[in-house]
Amino acid sequence: MGSWRAWLHSLVAAAIGGASNAALGVVTMPDTFNFTHAGMINLAKIAAGGAIVPVLTLLKQSPLPGAPPATTPPPANP
């Protein structure tokens, strides 16, 4: 169970780290990324976009705990 907890913690940390870049949008472009309804939607979009890359990178480097390792099929002989 400890490996699942560590894996989930890493996944959440990657998502938060990537989404934290959206805070820069509030500082640099307050007309677009503000705390109105439309601004929050824009902020959520940029946060999701910023979080997806680190999350996918983590999933590539550290797949689900307990999952069998991916194997590649042997090359076909012509």
PDB file of N, CA and C in Angstrom:
ATOM      1  N   MET A   1       0.823  -1.194   0.000  1.00  0.00           N
ATOM      2  CA  MET A   1       0.000   0.000   0.000  1.00  0.00           C
ATOM      3  C   MET A   1       0.864   1.254   0.000  1.00  0.00           C
ATOM      4  N   GLY A   2       2.063   1.160   0.542  1.00  0.00           N
ATOM      5  CA  GLY A   2       2.938   2.314   0.603  1.00  0.00           C
ATOM      6  C   GLY A   2       3.343   2.806  -0.779  1.00  0.00           C
ATOM      7  N   SER A   3       3.525   1.880  -1.731  1.00  0.00           N
ATOM      8  CA  SER A   3       3.928   2.305  -3.066  1.00  0.00           C
ATOM      9  C   SER A   3       2.796   3.065  -3.759  1.00  0.00           C
ATOM     10  N   TRP A   4       1.554   2.649  -3.514  1.00  0.00           N
ATOM     11  CA  TRP A   4       0.419   3.383  -4.083  1.00  0.00           C
ATOM     12  C   TRP A   4       0.346   4.792  -3.528  1.00  0.00           C
ATOM     13  N   ARG A   5       0.556   4.909  -2.234  1.00  0.00           N
ATOM     14  CA  ARG A   5       0.478   6.221  -1.595  1.00  0.00           C
ATOM     15  C   ARG A   5       1.584   7.150  -2.114  1.00  0.00           C
ATOM     16  N   ALA A   6       2.794   6.637  -2.238  1.00  0.00           N
ATOM     17  CA  ALA A   6       3.904   7.433  -2.765  1.00  0.00           C
ATOM     18  C   ALA A   6       3.654   7.801  -4.223  1.00  0.00           C
ATOM     19  N   TRP A   7       3.123   6.858  -5.004  1.00  0.00           N
ATOM     20  CA  TRP A   7       2.845   7.122  -6.403  1.00  0.00           C
ATOM     21  C   TRP A   7       1.775   8.204  -6.542  1.00  0.00           C
ATOM     22  N   LEU A   8       0.712   8.108  -5.762  1.00  0.00           N
ATOM     23  CA  LEU A   8      -0.365   9.096  -5.807  1.00  0.00           C
ATOM     24  C   LEU A   8       0.134  10.461  -5.344  1.00  0.00           C
ATOM     25  N   HIS A   9       0.975  10.477  -4.323  1.00  0.00           N
ATOM     26  CA  HIS A   9       1.557  11.725  -3.840  1.00  0.00           C
ATOM     27  C   HIS A   9       2.395  12.372  -4.944  1.00  0.00           C
ATOM     28  N   SER A  10       3.172  11.593  -5.649  1.00  0.00           N
ATOM     29  CA  SER A  10       3.974  12.115  -6.753  1.00  0.00           C
ATOM     30  C   SER A  10       3.100  12.654  -7.875  1.00  0.00           C
ATOM     31  N   LEU A  11       2.016  11.962  -8.162  1.00  0.00           N
ATOM     32  CA  LEU A  11       1.096  12.388  -9.215  1.00  0.00           C
ATOM     33  C   LEU A  11       0.453  13.727  -8.865  1.00  0.00           C
ATOM     34  N   VAL A  12       0.000  13.865  -7.624  1.00  0.00           N
ATOM     35  CA  VAL A  12      -0.613  15.123  -7.179  1.00  0.00           C
ATOM     36  C   VAL A  12       0.423  16.243  -7.171  1.00  0.00           C
ATOM     37  N   ALA A  13       1.633  15.944  -6.730  1.00  0.00           N
ATOM     38  CA  ALA A  13       2.688  16.958  -6.703  1.00  0.00           C
ATOM     39  C   ALA A  13       3.024  17.429  -8.119  1.00  0.00           C
ATOM     40  N   ALA A  14       3.055  16.528  -9.078  1.00  0.00           N
ATOM     41  CA  ALA A  14       3.326  16.914 -10.459  1.00  0.00           C
ATOM     42  C   ALA A  14       2.211  17.796 -11.006  1.00  0.00           C
ATOM     43  N   ALA A  15       0.972  17.447 -10.694  1.00  0.00           N
ATOM     44  CA  ALA A  15      -0.163  18.247 -11.163  1.00  0.00           C
ATOM     45  C   ALA A  15      -0.148  19.641 -10.532  1.00  0.00           C
ATOM     46  N   ILE A  16       0.118  19.721  -9.247  1.00  0.00           N
ATOM     47  CA  ILE A  16       0.149  21.017  -8.574  1.00  0.00           C
ATOM     48  C   ILE A  16       1.307  21.858  -9.097  1.00  0.00           C
ATOM     49  N   GLY A  17       2.458  21.242  -9.271  1.00  0.00           N
ATOM     50  CA  GLY A  17       3.610  21.970  -9.788  1.00  0.00           C
ATOM     51  C   GLY A  17       3.369  22.529 -11.178  1.00  0.00           C
ATOM     52  N   GLY A  18       2.752  21.744 -12.032  1.00  0.00           N
ATOM     53  CA  GLY A  18       2.450  22.218 -13.378  1.00  0.00           C
ATOM     54  C   GLY A  18       1.374  23.286 -13.389  1.00  0.00           C
ATOM     55  N   ALA A  19       0.347  23.110 -12.576  1.00  0.00           N
ATOM     56  CA  ALA A  19      -0.752  24.071 -12.527  1.00  0.00           C
ATOM     57  C   ALA A  19      -0.346  25.373 -11.860  1.00  0.00           C
ATOM     58  N   SER A  20       0.693  25.341 -11.048  1.00  0.00           N
ATOM     59  CA  SER A  20       1.112  26.565 -10.369  1.00  0.00           C
ATOM     60  C   SER A  20       1.617  27.611 -11.349  1.00  0.00           C
ATOM     61  N   ASN A  21       1.997  27.183 -12.533  1.00  0.00           N
ATOM     62  CA  ASN A  21       2.396  28.145 -13.560  1.00  0.00           C
ATOM     63  C   ASN A  21       1.231  29.043 -13.960  1.00  0.00           C
ATOM     64  N   ALA A  22       0.014  28.612 -13.739  1.00  0.00           N
ATOM     65  CA  ALA A  22      -1.148  29.432 -14.067  1.00  0.00           C
ATOM     66  C   ALA A  22      -1.209  30.678 -13.196  1.00  0.00           C
ATOM     67  N   ALA A  23      -0.614  30.631 -12.030  1.00  0.00           N
ATOM     68  CA  ALA A  23      -0.597  31.811 -11.175  1.00  0.00           C
ATOM     69  C   ALA A  23       0.151  32.955 -11.843  1.00  0.00           C
ATOM     70  N   LEU A  24       1.112  32.626 -12.656  1.00  0.00           N
ATOM     71  CA  LEU A  24       1.838  33.652 -13.392  1.00  0.00           C
ATOM     72  C   LEU A  24       0.917  34.386 -14.360  1.00  0.00           C
ATOM     73  N   GLY A  25      -0.072  33.686 -14.891  1.00  0.00           N
ATOM     74  CA  GLY A  25      -1.042  34.329 -15.772  1.00  0.00           C
ATOM     75  C   GLY A  25      -1.828  35.409 -15.067  1.00  0.00           C
ATOM     76  N   VAL A  26      -2.157  35.211 -13.814  1.00  0.00           N
ATOM     77  CA  VAL A  26      -2.894  36.213 -13.042  1.00  0.00           C
ATOM     78  C   VAL A  26      -2.047  37.468 -12.880  1.00  0.00           C
ATOM     79  N   VAL A  27      -0.765  37.300 -12.679  1.00  0.00           N
ATOM     80  CA  VAL A  27       0.122  38.441 -12.466  1.00  0.00           C
ATOM     81  C   VAL A  27       0.407  39.171 -13.776  1.00  0.00           C
ATOM     82  N   THR A  28       0.662  38.417 -14.846  1.00  0.00           N
ATOM     83  CA  THR A  28       1.081  39.047 -16.094  1.00  0.00           C
ATOM     84  C   THR A  28      -0.076  39.553 -16.951  1.00  0.00           C
ATOM     85  N   MET A  29      -1.217  38.875 -16.926  1.00  0.00           N
ATOM     86  CA  MET A  29      -2.359  39.286 -17.743  1.00  0.00           C
ATOM     87  C   MET A  29      -3.639  39.300 -16.905  1.00  0.00           C
ATOM     88  N   PRO A  30      -3.785  40.264 -16.005  1.00  0.00           N
ATOM     89  CA  PRO A  30      -4.945  40.267 -15.120  1.00  0.00           C
ATOM     90  C   PRO A  30      -6.272  40.521 -15.836  1.00  0.00           C
ATOM     91  N   ASP A  31      -6.240  41.069 -17.052  1.00  0.00           N
ATOM     92  CA  ASP A  31      -7.494  41.278 -17.781  1.00  0.00           C
ATOM     93  C   ASP A  31      -8.085  39.964 -18.285  1.00  0.00           C
ATOM     94  N   THR A  32      -7.230  38.987 -18.563  1.00  0.00           N
ATOM     95  CA  THR A  32      -7.678  37.698 -19.079  1.00  0.00           C
ATOM     96  C   THR A  32      -7.855  36.668 -17.972  1.00  0.00           C
ATOM     97  N   PHE A  33      -6.891  36.602 -17.073  1.00  0.00           N
ATOM     98  CA  PHE A  33      -6.913  35.611 -15.990  1.00  0.00           C
ATOM     99  C   PHE A  33      -7.211  36.327 -14.673  1.00  0.00           C
ATOM    100  N   ASN A  34      -8.492  36.479 -14.371  1.00  0.00           N
ATOM    101  CA  ASN A  34      -8.896  37.160 -13.150  1.00  0.00           C
ATOM    102  C   ASN A  34      -9.904  36.293 -12.409  1.00  0.00           C
ATOM    103  N   PHE A  35     -10.525  36.847 -11.418  1.00  0.00           N
ATOM    104  CA  PHE A  35     -11.418  36.051 -10.577  1.00  0.00           C
ATOM    105  C   PHE A  35     -12.884  36.251 -10.911  1.00  0.00           C
ATOM    106  N   THR A  36     -13.171  36.647 -12.158  1.00  0.00           N
ATOM    107  CA  THR A  36     -14.547  36.643 -12.654  1.00  0.00           C
ATOM    108  C   THR A  36     -14.837  35.238 -13.166  1.00  0.00           C
ATOM    109  N   HIS A  37     -16.076  34.996 -13.573  1.00  0.00           N
ATOM    110  CA  HIS A  37     -16.436  33.664 -14.063  1.00  0.00           C
ATOM    111  C   HIS A  37     -15.624  33.305 -15.312  1.00  0.00           C
ATOM    112  N   ALA A  38     -15.578  34.214 -16.280  1.00  0.00           N
ATOM    113  CA  ALA A  38     -14.822  33.944 -17.512  1.00  0.00           C
ATOM    114  C   ALA A  38     -13.329  33.841 -17.217  1.00  0.00           C
ATOM    115  N   GLY A  39     -12.835  34.656 -16.318  1.00  0.00           N
ATOM    116  CA  GLY A  39     -11.418  34.606 -15.966  1.00  0.00           C
ATOM    117  C   GLY A  39     -11.041  33.310 -15.276  1.00  0.00           C
ATOM    118  N   MET A  40     -11.940  32.794 -14.438  1.00  0.00           N
ATOM    119  CA  MET A  40     -11.664  31.525 -13.750  1.00  0.00           C
ATOM    120  C   MET A  40     -11.659  30.361 -14.739  1.00  0.00           C
ATOM    121  N   ILE A  41     -12.521  30.437 -15.756  1.00  0.00           N
ATOM    122  CA  ILE A  41     -12.509  29.390 -16.781  1.00  0.00           C
ATOM    123  C   ILE A  41     -11.182  29.426 -17.536  1.00  0.00           C
ATOM    124  N   ASN A  42     -10.729  30.631 -17.888  1.00  0.00           N
ATOM    125  CA  ASN A  42      -9.429  30.761 -18.555  1.00  0.00           C
ATOM    126  C   ASN A  42      -8.299  30.271 -17.660  1.00  0.00           C
ATOM    127  N   LEU A  43      -8.386  30.582 -16.382  1.00  0.00           N
ATOM    128  CA  LEU A  43      -7.371  30.146 -15.427  1.00  0.00           C
ATOM    129  C   LEU A  43      -7.354  28.624 -15.297  1.00  0.00           C
ATOM    130  N   ALA A  44      -8.532  28.011 -15.280  1.00  0.00           N
ATOM    131  CA  ALA A  44      -8.614  26.546 -15.199  1.00  0.00           C
ATOM    132  C   ALA A  44      -8.028  25.896 -16.448  1.00  0.00           C
ATOM    133  N   LYS A  45      -8.276  26.504 -17.606  1.00  0.00           N
ATOM    134  CA  LYS A  45      -7.729  25.954 -18.849  1.00  0.00           C
ATOM    135  C   LYS A  45      -6.210  25.987 -18.852  1.00  0.00           C
ATOM    136  N   ILE A  46      -5.647  27.112 -18.461  1.00  0.00           N
ATOM    137  CA  ILE A  46      -4.184  27.217 -18.477  1.00  0.00           C
ATOM    138  C   ILE A  46      -3.564  26.346 -17.376  1.00  0.00           C
ATOM    139  N   ALA A  47      -4.266  26.178 -16.251  1.00  0.00           N
ATOM    140  CA  ALA A  47      -3.763  25.302 -15.188  1.00  0.00           C
ATOM    141  C   ALA A  47      -3.767  23.847 -15.643  1.00  0.00           C
ATOM    142  N   ALA A  48      -4.836  23.436 -16.323  1.00  0.00           N
ATOM    143  CA  ALA A  48      -4.907  22.059 -16.821  1.00  0.00           C
ATOM    144  C   ALA A  48      -3.837  21.814 -17.879  1.00  0.00           C
ATOM    145  N   GLY A  49      -3.645  22.796 -18.754  1.00  0.00           N
ATOM    146  CA  GLY A  49      -2.613  22.660 -19.775  1.00  0.00           C
ATOM    147  C   GLY A  49      -1.221  22.576 -19.176  1.00  0.00           C
ATOM    148  N   GLY A  50      -0.989  23.346 -18.125  1.00  0.00           N
ATOM    149  CA  GLY A  50       0.319  23.316 -17.471  1.00  0.00           C
ATOM    150  C   GLY A  50       0.546  22.056 -16.660  1.00  0.00           C
ATOM    151  N   ALA A  51      -0.527  21.436 -16.199  1.00  0.00           N
ATOM    152  CA  ALA A  51      -0.399  20.239 -15.358  1.00  0.00           C
ATOM    153  C   ALA A  51      -0.276  18.957 -16.178  1.00  0.00           C
ATOM    154  N   ILE A  52      -0.794  18.948 -17.384  1.00  0.00           N
ATOM    155  CA  ILE A  52      -0.855  17.704 -18.137  1.00  0.00           C
ATOM    156  C   ILE A  52       0.534  17.178 -18.522  1.00  0.00           C
ATOM    157  N   VAL A  53       1.449  18.066 -18.854  1.00  0.00           N
ATOM    158  CA  VAL A  53       2.788  17.614 -19.274  1.00  0.00           C
ATOM    159  C   VAL A  53       3.538  16.935 -18.129  1.00  0.00           C
ATOM    160  N   PRO A  54       3.626  17.552 -16.927  1.00  0.00           N
ATOM    161  CA  PRO A  54       4.328  16.847 -15.844  1.00  0.00           C
ATOM    162  C   PRO A  54       3.632  15.553 -15.416  1.00  0.00           C
ATOM    163  N   VAL A  55       2.304  15.528 -15.462  1.00  0.00           N
ATOM    164  CA  VAL A  55       1.581  14.312 -15.078  1.00  0.00           C
ATOM    165  C   VAL A  55       1.868  13.191 -16.072  1.00  0.00           C
ATOM    166  N   LEU A  56       1.810  13.494 -17.358  1.00  0.00           N
ATOM    167  CA  LEU A  56       2.096  12.458 -18.357  1.00  0.00           C
ATOM    168  C   LEU A  56       3.551  12.006 -18.303  1.00  0.00           C
ATOM    169  N   THR A  57       4.456  12.922 -18.025  1.00  0.00           N
ATOM    170  CA  THR A  57       5.866  12.552 -17.877  1.00  0.00           C
ATOM    171  C   THR A  57       6.053  11.619 -16.692  1.00  0.00           C
ATOM    172  N   LEU A  58       5.383  11.926 -15.581  1.00  0.00           N
ATOM    173  CA  LEU A  58       5.468  11.057 -14.414  1.00  0.00           C
ATOM    174  C   LEU A  58       4.900   9.680 -14.717  1.00  0.00           C
ATOM    175  N   LEU A  59       3.762   9.637 -15.411  1.00  0.00           N
ATOM    176  CA  LEU A  59       3.157   8.346 -15.739  1.00  0.00           C
ATOM    177  C   LEU A  59       4.043   7.532 -16.675  1.00  0.00           C
ATOM    178  N   LYS A  60       4.794   8.205 -17.532  1.00  0.00           N
ATOM    179  CA  LYS A  60       5.715   7.486 -18.418  1.00  0.00           C
ATOM    180  C   LYS A  60       6.874   6.898 -17.625  1.00  0.00           C
ATOM    181  N   GLN A  61       7.418   7.697 -16.702  1.00  0.00           N
ATOM    182  CA  GLN A  61       8.576   7.258 -15.929  1.00  0.00           C
ATOM    183  C   GLN A  61       8.198   6.287 -14.819  1.00  0.00           C
ATOM    184  N   SER A  62       7.008   6.456 -14.259  1.00  0.00           N
ATOM    185  CA  SER A  62       6.593   5.635 -13.130  1.00  0.00           C
ATOM    186  C   SER A  62       5.139   5.203 -13.326  1.00  0.00           C
ATOM    187  N   PRO A  63       4.911   4.115 -14.063  1.00  0.00           N
ATOM    188  CA  PRO A  63       3.536   3.660 -14.288  1.00  0.00           C
ATOM    189  C   PRO A  63       2.882   3.191 -12.994  1.00  0.00           C
ATOM    190  N   LEU A  64       1.658   2.759 -13.085  1.00  0.00           N
ATOM    191  CA  LEU A  64       0.918   2.307 -11.912  1.00  0.00           C
ATOM    192  C   LEU A  64       1.710   1.279 -11.121  1.00  0.00           C
ATOM    193  N   PRO A  65       1.731   1.411  -9.795  1.00  0.00           N
ATOM    194  CA  PRO A  65       2.424   0.404  -8.988  1.00  0.00           C
ATOM    195  C   PRO A  65       1.744  -0.954  -9.140  1.00  0.00           C
ATOM    196  N   GLY A  66       2.539  -1.969  -9.253  1.00  0.00           N
ATOM    197  CA  GLY A  66       2.008  -3.324  -9.357  1.00  0.00           C
ATOM    198  C   GLY A  66       1.640  -3.727 -10.769  1.00  0.00           C
ATOM    199  N   ALA A  67       1.678  -2.796 -11.705  1.00  0.00           N
ATOM    200  CA  ALA A  67       1.365  -3.136 -13.089  1.00  0.00           C
ATOM    201  C   ALA A  67       2.554  -3.878 -13.698  1.00  0.00           C
ATOM    202  N   PRO A  68       2.280  -4.860 -14.516  1.00  0.00           N
ATOM    203  CA  PRO A  68       3.397  -5.572 -15.146  1.00  0.00           C
ATOM    204  C   PRO A  68       4.131  -4.628 -16.086  1.00  0.00           C
ATOM    205  N   PRO A  69       5.436  -4.773 -16.197  1.00  0.00           N
ATOM    206  CA  PRO A  69       6.183  -3.894 -17.101  1.00  0.00           C
ATOM    207  C   PRO A  69       5.771  -4.115 -18.548  1.00  0.00           C
ATOM    208  N   ALA A  70       5.781  -3.056 -19.298  1.00  0.00           N
ATOM    209  CA  ALA A  70       5.417  -3.162 -20.709  1.00  0.00           C
ATOM    210  C   ALA A  70       6.504  -3.927 -21.451  1.00  0.00           C
ATOM    211  N   THR A  71       6.072  -4.806 -22.300  1.00  0.00           N
ATOM    212  CA  THR A  71       7.039  -5.567 -23.094  1.00  0.00           C
ATOM    213  C   THR A  71       6.821  -5.210 -24.564  1.00  0.00           C
ATOM    214  N   THR A  72       7.873  -5.248 -25.300  1.00  0.00           N
ATOM    215  CA  THR A  72       7.770  -4.998 -26.737  1.00  0.00           C
ATOM    216  C   THR A  72       7.779  -6.345 -27.447  1.00  0.00           C
ATOM    217  N   PRO A  73       6.995  -6.438 -28.492  1.00  0.00           N
ATOM    218  CA  PRO A  73       6.986  -7.722 -29.212  1.00  0.00           C
ATOM    219  C   PRO A  73       8.309  -7.922 -29.927  1.00  0.00           C
ATOM    220  N   PRO A  74       8.700  -9.165 -30.112  1.00  0.00           N
ATOM    221  CA  PRO A  74       9.956  -9.427 -30.834  1.00  0.00           C
ATOM    222  C   PRO A  74       9.837  -8.955 -32.276  1.00  0.00           C
ATOM    223  N   PRO A  75      10.946  -8.539 -32.863  1.00  0.00           N
ATOM    224  CA  PRO A  75      10.872  -8.090 -34.259  1.00  0.00           C
ATOM    225  C   PRO A  75      10.485  -9.228 -35.178  1.00  0.00           C
ATOM    226  N   ALA A  76       9.725  -8.891 -36.201  1.00  0.00           N
ATOM    227  CA  ALA A  76       9.291  -9.898 -37.161  1.00  0.00           C
ATOM    228  C   ALA A  76      10.439 -10.223 -38.113  1.00  0.00           C
ATOM    229  N   ASN A  77      10.603 -11.504 -38.380  1.00  0.00           N
ATOM    230  CA  ASN A  77      11.632 -11.932 -39.322  1.00  0.00           C
ATOM    231  C   ASN A  77      11.025 -11.965 -40.721  1.00  0.00           C
ATOM    232  N   PRO A  78      11.666 -11.276 -41.681  1.00  0.00           N
ATOM    233  CA  PRO A  78      11.091 -11.281 -43.049  1.00  0.00           C
ATOM    234  C   PRO A  78      11.313 -12.585 -43.761  1.00  0.00           C
TER     235      PRO A  78
END
